[in-house]
Amino acid sequence: MNFLAHLLLSGPDDDLIVGNFAAEAVRGRAAVAAYPPAVQRGIRLHRLIDSFTDAHPVVRRSTARLRAAGLGKWAGVVADVGYDHLLARHFARYHYRPAEPLPAFAQRMYAVLQARRAELPERLQHLLGYMRRDDWLSNYARPEGLARALLGLSRRVPGAEVLATGAAAFLADIDAYERDFAEFWPQLLAAVQAELT
C-alpha cells in the first residue's frame, strides 16, 4: 500500500499518522526508539500493513498479473500505487468517515504532518513539501495522477524506468484490480484493527 492507504489506516490518531508516515524512512531499532511510544506504534503499524500486504494471496494475484504485463520486479510497486488509485476513486466507500471527501481528508493529513514536520526524517520533510504542493493524495483518484506518481518514481529510482508504463498496464485491466482490491481491503482493515485493539 502507498501513502493514502497508510494514512487512512492510521485513523484519526495524529501519533499513528505521524509514525505511519515517518516509517517510510525510519530504519533500525535505534531510529525507532528515538520516537515517543505513541509514534512508535504508528511505525509498527506501517510495517504490519506492508508485511500483510506483501504476503497476501490477493495482492500476489495482482502482482503476478502486472509481472505478466511486463513490470517484472516492479510489479509490487505498481500494485501499491494502483491500489491507492482504487482507494482514492472509491474513497467514501472505504473511509472511516464517509462524509469527509478525499480533498478534505488530504488537506487534514497535510496539516497534521506539516504541524509535526520536525519529527519526520529529513527525506520525508522534503517529500512532504511536494506532496502538499501537488496534492498527491487527491490526485491518486485520477488516472493521470496514477500515471504521474509512477512516472515520478521511474525518474527517481535507478533502474526503474519501466514504472513509466505501470499506469497503462494497471488501467488496461482495471476491472480485475478493482475486484482484487475489494476482496483485499476488508482483510487488511481487519488485521489493522486487530493490531490496534
C-alpha atoms as a PDB file:
ATOM      1  CA  MET A   1       0.000   0.000   0.000  1.00  0.00           C
ATOM      2  CA  ASN A   2       1.128   3.539  -0.647  1.00  0.00           C
ATOM      3  CA  PHE A   3       0.768   6.880   1.196  1.00  0.00           C
ATOM      4  CA  LEU A   4      -3.019   7.221   1.014  1.00  0.00           C
ATOM      5  CA  ALA A   5      -3.751   3.777   2.419  1.00  0.00           C
ATOM      6  CA  HIS A   6      -1.182   4.121   5.193  1.00  0.00           C
ATOM      7  CA  LEU A   7      -2.607   7.461   6.288  1.00  0.00           C
ATOM      8  CA  LEU A   8      -6.222   6.292   6.127  1.00  0.00           C
ATOM      9  CA  LEU A   9      -5.461   3.136   8.098  1.00  0.00           C
ATOM     10  CA  SER A  10      -3.970   5.289  10.863  1.00  0.00           C
ATOM     11  CA  GLY A  11      -7.452   6.512  11.725  1.00  0.00           C
ATOM     12  CA  PRO A  12      -7.902   9.878  13.439  1.00  0.00           C
ATOM     13  CA  ASP A  13      -4.902   9.475  15.794  1.00  0.00           C
ATOM     14  CA  ASP A  14      -2.214  12.079  14.991  1.00  0.00           C
ATOM     15  CA  ASP A  15       0.570   9.998  16.602  1.00  0.00           C
ATOM     16  CA  LEU A  16      -0.336   6.998  14.446  1.00  0.00           C
ATOM     17  CA  ILE A  17      -0.487   9.228  11.358  1.00  0.00           C
ATOM     18  CA  VAL A  18       2.961  10.696  12.034  1.00  0.00           C
ATOM     19  CA  GLY A  19       4.512   7.327  12.858  1.00  0.00           C
ATOM     20  CA  ASN A  20       2.935   5.562   9.911  1.00  0.00           C
ATOM     21  CA  PHE A  21       4.190   8.268   7.538  1.00  0.00           C
ATOM     22  CA  ALA A  22       7.643   8.537   9.163  1.00  0.00           C
ATOM     23  CA  ALA A  23       8.130   4.770   8.925  1.00  0.00           C
ATOM     24  CA  GLU A  24       8.768   5.165   5.206  1.00  0.00           C
ATOM     25  CA  ALA A  25      12.262   6.441   6.096  1.00  0.00           C
ATOM     26  CA  VAL A  26      12.920   5.136   9.641  1.00  0.00           C
ATOM     27  CA  ARG A  27      15.429   2.281   9.650  1.00  0.00           C
ATOM     28  CA  GLY A  28      16.794   0.313  12.584  1.00  0.00           C
ATOM     29  CA  ARG A  29      15.814  -0.160  16.212  1.00  0.00           C
ATOM     30  CA  ALA A  30      17.714   2.881  17.461  1.00  0.00           C
ATOM     31  CA  ALA A  31      15.899   5.145  14.998  1.00  0.00           C
ATOM     32  CA  VAL A  32      12.518   3.727  16.054  1.00  0.00           C
ATOM     33  CA  ALA A  33      13.411   4.038  19.753  1.00  0.00           C
ATOM     34  CA  ALA A  34      14.114   7.761  19.278  1.00  0.00           C
ATOM     35  CA  TYR A  35      10.368   8.340  18.854  1.00  0.00           C
ATOM     36  CA  PRO A  36       7.793   8.516  21.680  1.00  0.00           C
ATOM     37  CA  PRO A  37       5.911   5.231  22.238  1.00  0.00           C
ATOM     38  CA  ALA A  38       2.698   6.514  20.607  1.00  0.00           C
ATOM     39  CA  VAL A  39       4.586   7.358  17.391  1.00  0.00           C
ATOM     40  CA  GLN A  40       6.493   4.055  17.536  1.00  0.00           C
ATOM     41  CA  ARG A  41       3.102   2.388  17.419  1.00  0.00           C
ATOM     42  CA  GLY A  42       2.469   4.099  14.057  1.00  0.00           C
ATOM     43  CA  ILE A  43       5.835   2.883  12.766  1.00  0.00           C
ATOM     44  CA  ARG A  44       4.946  -0.680  13.781  1.00  0.00           C
ATOM     45  CA  LEU A  45       1.540  -0.266  12.120  1.00  0.00           C
ATOM     46  CA  HIS A  46       3.221   0.765   8.866  1.00  0.00           C
ATOM     47  CA  ARG A  47       5.368  -2.358   8.948  1.00  0.00           C
ATOM     48  CA  LEU A  48       2.397  -4.598   9.700  1.00  0.00           C
ATOM     49  CA  ILE A  49       0.500  -3.098   6.737  1.00  0.00           C
ATOM     50  CA  ASP A  50       3.474  -3.679   4.434  1.00  0.00           C
ATOM     51  CA  SER A  51       4.136  -7.258   5.543  1.00  0.00           C
ATOM     52  CA  PHE A  52       0.440  -8.213   5.486  1.00  0.00           C
ATOM     53  CA  THR A  53       0.078  -6.705   2.006  1.00  0.00           C
ATOM     54  CA  ASP A  54       3.207  -8.273   0.539  1.00  0.00           C
ATOM     55  CA  ALA A  55       2.246 -11.762   1.758  1.00  0.00           C
ATOM     56  CA  HIS A  56      -1.445 -11.637   0.852  1.00  0.00           C
ATOM     57  CA  PRO A  57      -2.585 -14.031  -1.909  1.00  0.00           C
ATOM     58  CA  VAL A  58      -4.906 -11.455  -3.500  1.00  0.00           C
ATOM     59  CA  VAL A  59      -2.062  -8.937  -3.768  1.00  0.00           C
ATOM     60  CA  ARG A  60       0.165 -11.672  -5.164  1.00  0.00           C
ATOM     61  CA  ARG A  61      -2.505 -12.319  -7.786  1.00  0.00           C
ATOM     62  CA  SER A  62      -2.387  -8.625  -8.731  1.00  0.00           C
ATOM     63  CA  THR A  63       1.403  -8.544  -8.874  1.00  0.00           C
ATOM     64  CA  ALA A  64       1.505 -11.734 -10.973  1.00  0.00           C
ATOM     65  CA  ARG A  65      -0.812 -10.053 -13.486  1.00  0.00           C
ATOM     66  CA  LEU A  66       1.446  -6.978 -13.544  1.00  0.00           C
ATOM     67  CA  ARG A  67       4.592  -9.082 -13.946  1.00  0.00           C
ATOM     68  CA  ALA A  68       2.933 -10.781 -16.922  1.00  0.00           C
ATOM     69  CA  ALA A  69       2.235  -7.294 -18.329  1.00  0.00           C
ATOM     70  CA  GLY A  70       5.984  -6.588 -18.357  1.00  0.00           C
ATOM     71  CA  LEU A  71       6.566  -4.868 -14.995  1.00  0.00           C
ATOM     72  CA  GLY A  72       8.900  -7.568 -13.666  1.00  0.00           C
ATOM     73  CA  LYS A  73      10.316  -6.890 -10.216  1.00  0.00           C
ATOM     74  CA  TRP A  74       8.489  -3.527 -10.120  1.00  0.00           C
ATOM     75  CA  ALA A  75       5.037  -5.169 -10.171  1.00  0.00           C
ATOM     76  CA  GLY A  76       4.659  -4.753  -6.399  1.00  0.00           C
ATOM     77  CA  VAL A  77       5.328  -1.020  -6.614  1.00  0.00           C
ATOM     78  CA  VAL A  78       2.710  -0.633  -9.344  1.00  0.00           C
ATOM     79  CA  ALA A  79       0.216  -2.669  -7.300  1.00  0.00           C
ATOM     80  CA  ASP A  80       0.826  -0.470  -4.229  1.00  0.00           C
ATOM     81  CA  VAL A  81       0.298   2.779  -6.116  1.00  0.00           C
ATOM     82  CA  GLY A  82      -2.534   1.278  -8.166  1.00  0.00           C
ATOM     83  CA  TYR A  83      -4.336   0.180  -5.022  1.00  0.00           C
ATOM     84  CA  ASP A  84      -4.056   3.761  -3.720  1.00  0.00           C
ATOM     85  CA  HIS A  85      -5.648   4.857  -7.002  1.00  0.00           C
ATOM     86  CA  LEU A  86      -8.578   2.499  -6.381  1.00  0.00           C
ATOM     87  CA  LEU A  87      -8.856   3.608  -2.756  1.00  0.00           C
ATOM     88  CA  ALA A  88      -8.980   7.232  -3.886  1.00  0.00           C
ATOM     89  CA  ARG A  89     -11.548   6.530  -6.618  1.00  0.00           C
ATOM     90  CA  HIS A  90     -13.913   4.928  -4.106  1.00  0.00           C
ATOM     91  CA  PHE A  91     -12.851   6.898  -1.051  1.00  0.00           C
ATOM     92  CA  ALA A  92     -16.287   7.297   0.565  1.00  0.00           C
ATOM     93  CA  ARG A  93     -16.763   3.511   0.423  1.00  0.00           C
ATOM     94  CA  TYR A  94     -13.564   2.814   2.385  1.00  0.00           C
ATOM     95  CA  HIS A  95     -13.160   5.874   4.630  1.00  0.00           C
ATOM     96  CA  TYR A  96     -13.975   5.557   8.342  1.00  0.00           C
ATOM     97  CA  ARG A  97     -15.688   8.979   7.952  1.00  0.00           C
ATOM     98  CA  PRO A  98     -17.676   8.535   4.709  1.00  0.00           C
ATOM     99  CA  ALA A  99     -18.909  12.137   4.818  1.00  0.00           C
ATOM    100  CA  GLU A 100     -15.351  13.509   4.588  1.00  0.00           C
ATOM    101  CA  PRO A 101     -14.411  13.768   0.906  1.00  0.00           C
ATOM    102  CA  LEU A 102     -10.940  12.879  -0.268  1.00  0.00           C
ATOM    103  CA  PRO A 103      -9.785  16.506  -0.781  1.00  0.00           C
ATOM    104  CA  ALA A 104     -10.743  17.382   2.809  1.00  0.00           C
ATOM    105  CA  PHE A 105      -9.032  14.251   4.138  1.00  0.00           C
ATOM    106  CA  ALA A 106      -5.915  15.088   2.122  1.00  0.00           C
ATOM    107  CA  GLN A 107      -5.759  18.634   3.495  1.00  0.00           C
ATOM    108  CA  ARG A 108      -6.249  17.331   7.036  1.00  0.00           C
ATOM    109  CA  MET A 109      -3.354  14.873   6.577  1.00  0.00           C
ATOM    110  CA  TYR A 110      -1.072  17.562   5.154  1.00  0.00           C
ATOM    111  CA  ALA A 111      -1.926  19.822   8.103  1.00  0.00           C
ATOM    112  CA  VAL A 112      -1.166  17.104  10.686  1.00  0.00           C
ATOM    113  CA  LEU A 113       2.126  16.206   9.010  1.00  0.00           C
ATOM    114  CA  GLN A 114       3.149  19.832   8.485  1.00  0.00           C
ATOM    115  CA  ALA A 115       2.431  20.685  12.129  1.00  0.00           C
ATOM    116  CA  ARG A 116       4.758  17.858  13.181  1.00  0.00           C
ATOM    117  CA  ARG A 117       7.207  18.153  10.317  1.00  0.00           C
ATOM    118  CA  ALA A 118      10.205  18.364  12.665  1.00  0.00           C
ATOM    119  CA  GLU A 119       9.509  14.793  13.827  1.00  0.00           C
ATOM    120  CA  LEU A 120       9.825  13.415  10.304  1.00  0.00           C
ATOM    121  CA  PRO A 121      13.071  12.137   8.803  1.00  0.00           C
ATOM    122  CA  GLU A 122      14.678  14.818   6.643  1.00  0.00           C
ATOM    123  CA  ARG A 123      13.919  12.991   3.386  1.00  0.00           C
ATOM    124  CA  LEU A 124      10.207  12.948   4.236  1.00  0.00           C
ATOM    125  CA  GLN A 125      10.209  16.600   5.302  1.00  0.00           C
ATOM    126  CA  HIS A 126      11.384  17.404   1.784  1.00  0.00           C
ATOM    127  CA  LEU A 127       8.880  14.990   0.191  1.00  0.00           C
ATOM    128  CA  LEU A 128       6.001  16.456   2.202  1.00  0.00           C
ATOM    129  CA  GLY A 129       6.514  19.806   0.502  1.00  0.00           C
ATOM    130  CA  TYR A 130       5.967  18.215  -2.902  1.00  0.00           C
ATOM    131  CA  MET A 131       3.053  16.120  -1.656  1.00  0.00           C
ATOM    132  CA  ARG A 132       1.230  19.213  -0.414  1.00  0.00           C
ATOM    133  CA  ARG A 133       2.088  21.399  -3.380  1.00  0.00           C
ATOM    134  CA  ASP A 134       0.913  18.839  -5.946  1.00  0.00           C
ATOM    135  CA  ASP A 135      -1.802  17.313  -3.711  1.00  0.00           C
ATOM    136  CA  TRP A 136      -0.652  13.748  -4.300  1.00  0.00           C
ATOM    137  CA  LEU A 137      -3.334  12.206  -2.098  1.00  0.00           C
ATOM    138  CA  SER A 138      -6.266  13.721  -4.000  1.00  0.00           C
ATOM    139  CA  ASN A 139      -4.614  13.222  -7.362  1.00  0.00           C
ATOM    140  CA  TYR A 140      -4.358   9.466  -6.848  1.00  0.00           C
ATOM    141  CA  ALA A 141      -8.071   9.358  -7.758  1.00  0.00           C
ATOM    142  CA  ARG A 142      -7.426  10.338 -11.377  1.00  0.00           C
ATOM    143  CA  PRO A 143      -5.776   8.068 -13.958  1.00  0.00           C
ATOM    144  CA  GLU A 144      -3.433  10.984 -14.709  1.00  0.00           C
ATOM    145  CA  GLY A 145      -2.464  11.091 -11.036  1.00  0.00           C
ATOM    146  CA  LEU A 146      -1.624   7.388 -11.063  1.00  0.00           C
ATOM    147  CA  ALA A 147       0.472   7.872 -14.201  1.00  0.00           C
ATOM    148  CA  ARG A 148       2.226  10.902 -12.724  1.00  0.00           C
ATOM    149  CA  ALA A 149       3.082   9.081  -9.487  1.00  0.00           C
ATOM    150  CA  LEU A 150       4.609   6.138 -11.335  1.00  0.00           C
ATOM    151  CA  LEU A 151       6.411   8.364 -13.832  1.00  0.00           C
ATOM    152  CA  GLY A 152       7.935  10.292 -10.930  1.00  0.00           C
ATOM    153  CA  LEU A 153       9.146   7.064  -9.347  1.00  0.00           C
ATOM    154  CA  SER A 154      10.562   5.884 -12.677  1.00  0.00           C
ATOM    155  CA  ARG A 155      12.725   9.017 -12.781  1.00  0.00           C
ATOM    156  CA  ARG A 156      13.836   8.982  -9.120  1.00  0.00           C
ATOM    157  CA  VAL A 157      14.657   5.302  -8.652  1.00  0.00           C
ATOM    158  CA  PRO A 158      17.686   3.947 -10.534  1.00  0.00           C
ATOM    159  CA  GLY A 159      16.780   1.110 -12.891  1.00  0.00           C
ATOM    160  CA  ALA A 160      13.025   1.684 -12.523  1.00  0.00           C
ATOM    161  CA  GLU A 161      12.334   3.189 -15.947  1.00  0.00           C
ATOM    162  CA  VAL A 162       9.692   0.517 -16.620  1.00  0.00           C
ATOM    163  CA  LEU A 163       7.483   2.119 -13.940  1.00  0.00           C
ATOM    164  CA  ALA A 164       6.628   4.770 -16.536  1.00  0.00           C
ATOM    165  CA  THR A 165       4.497   2.070 -18.229  1.00  0.00           C
ATOM    166  CA  GLY A 166       2.901   0.921 -14.974  1.00  0.00           C
ATOM    167  CA  ALA A 167      -0.220   3.075 -15.089  1.00  0.00           C
ATOM    168  CA  ALA A 168      -1.095   1.889 -18.592  1.00  0.00           C
ATOM    169  CA  ALA A 169      -0.652  -1.741 -17.539  1.00  0.00           C
ATOM    170  CA  PHE A 170      -2.765  -1.273 -14.416  1.00  0.00           C
ATOM    171  CA  LEU A 171      -5.527   0.657 -16.158  1.00  0.00           C
ATOM    172  CA  ALA A 172      -5.668  -1.842 -19.033  1.00  0.00           C
ATOM    173  CA  ASP A 173      -7.009  -4.464 -16.614  1.00  0.00           C
ATOM    174  CA  ILE A 174      -8.671  -2.138 -14.104  1.00  0.00           C
ATOM    175  CA  ASP A 175     -11.737  -4.331 -13.549  1.00  0.00           C
ATOM    176  CA  ALA A 176      -9.587  -7.230 -12.338  1.00  0.00           C
ATOM    177  CA  TYR A 177      -7.649  -4.947  -9.985  1.00  0.00           C
ATOM    178  CA  GLU A 178     -10.928  -3.467  -8.705  1.00  0.00           C
ATOM    179  CA  ARG A 179     -12.084  -6.979  -7.780  1.00  0.00           C
ATOM    180  CA  ASP A 180      -8.757  -7.772  -6.143  1.00  0.00           C
ATOM    181  CA  PHE A 181      -8.800  -4.593  -4.092  1.00  0.00           C
ATOM    182  CA  ALA A 182     -12.423  -5.032  -2.990  1.00  0.00           C
ATOM    183  CA  GLU A 183     -11.537  -8.513  -1.730  1.00  0.00           C
ATOM    184  CA  PHE A 184      -8.267  -7.466  -0.096  1.00  0.00           C
ATOM    185  CA  TRP A 185      -9.163  -4.199   1.694  1.00  0.00           C
ATOM    186  CA  PRO A 186     -11.585  -5.625   4.300  1.00  0.00           C
ATOM    187  CA  GLN A 187      -8.999  -8.226   5.277  1.00  0.00           C
ATOM    188  CA  LEU A 188      -6.286  -5.603   5.613  1.00  0.00           C
ATOM    189  CA  LEU A 189      -8.607  -3.406   7.639  1.00  0.00           C
ATOM    190  CA  ALA A 190      -9.413  -6.315   9.976  1.00  0.00           C
ATOM    191  CA  ALA A 191      -5.692  -7.002  10.505  1.00  0.00           C
ATOM    192  CA  VAL A 192      -5.068  -3.327  11.313  1.00  0.00           C
ATOM    193  CA  GLN A 193      -7.997  -3.175  13.727  1.00  0.00           C
ATOM    194  CA  ALA A 194      -6.777  -6.330  15.467  1.00  0.00           C
ATOM    195  CA  GLU A 195      -3.329  -4.752  15.854  1.00  0.00           C
ATOM    196  CA  LEU A 196      -4.720  -1.528  17.293  1.00  0.00           C
ATOM    197  CA  THR A 197      -7.074  -3.087  19.854  1.00  0.00           C
END
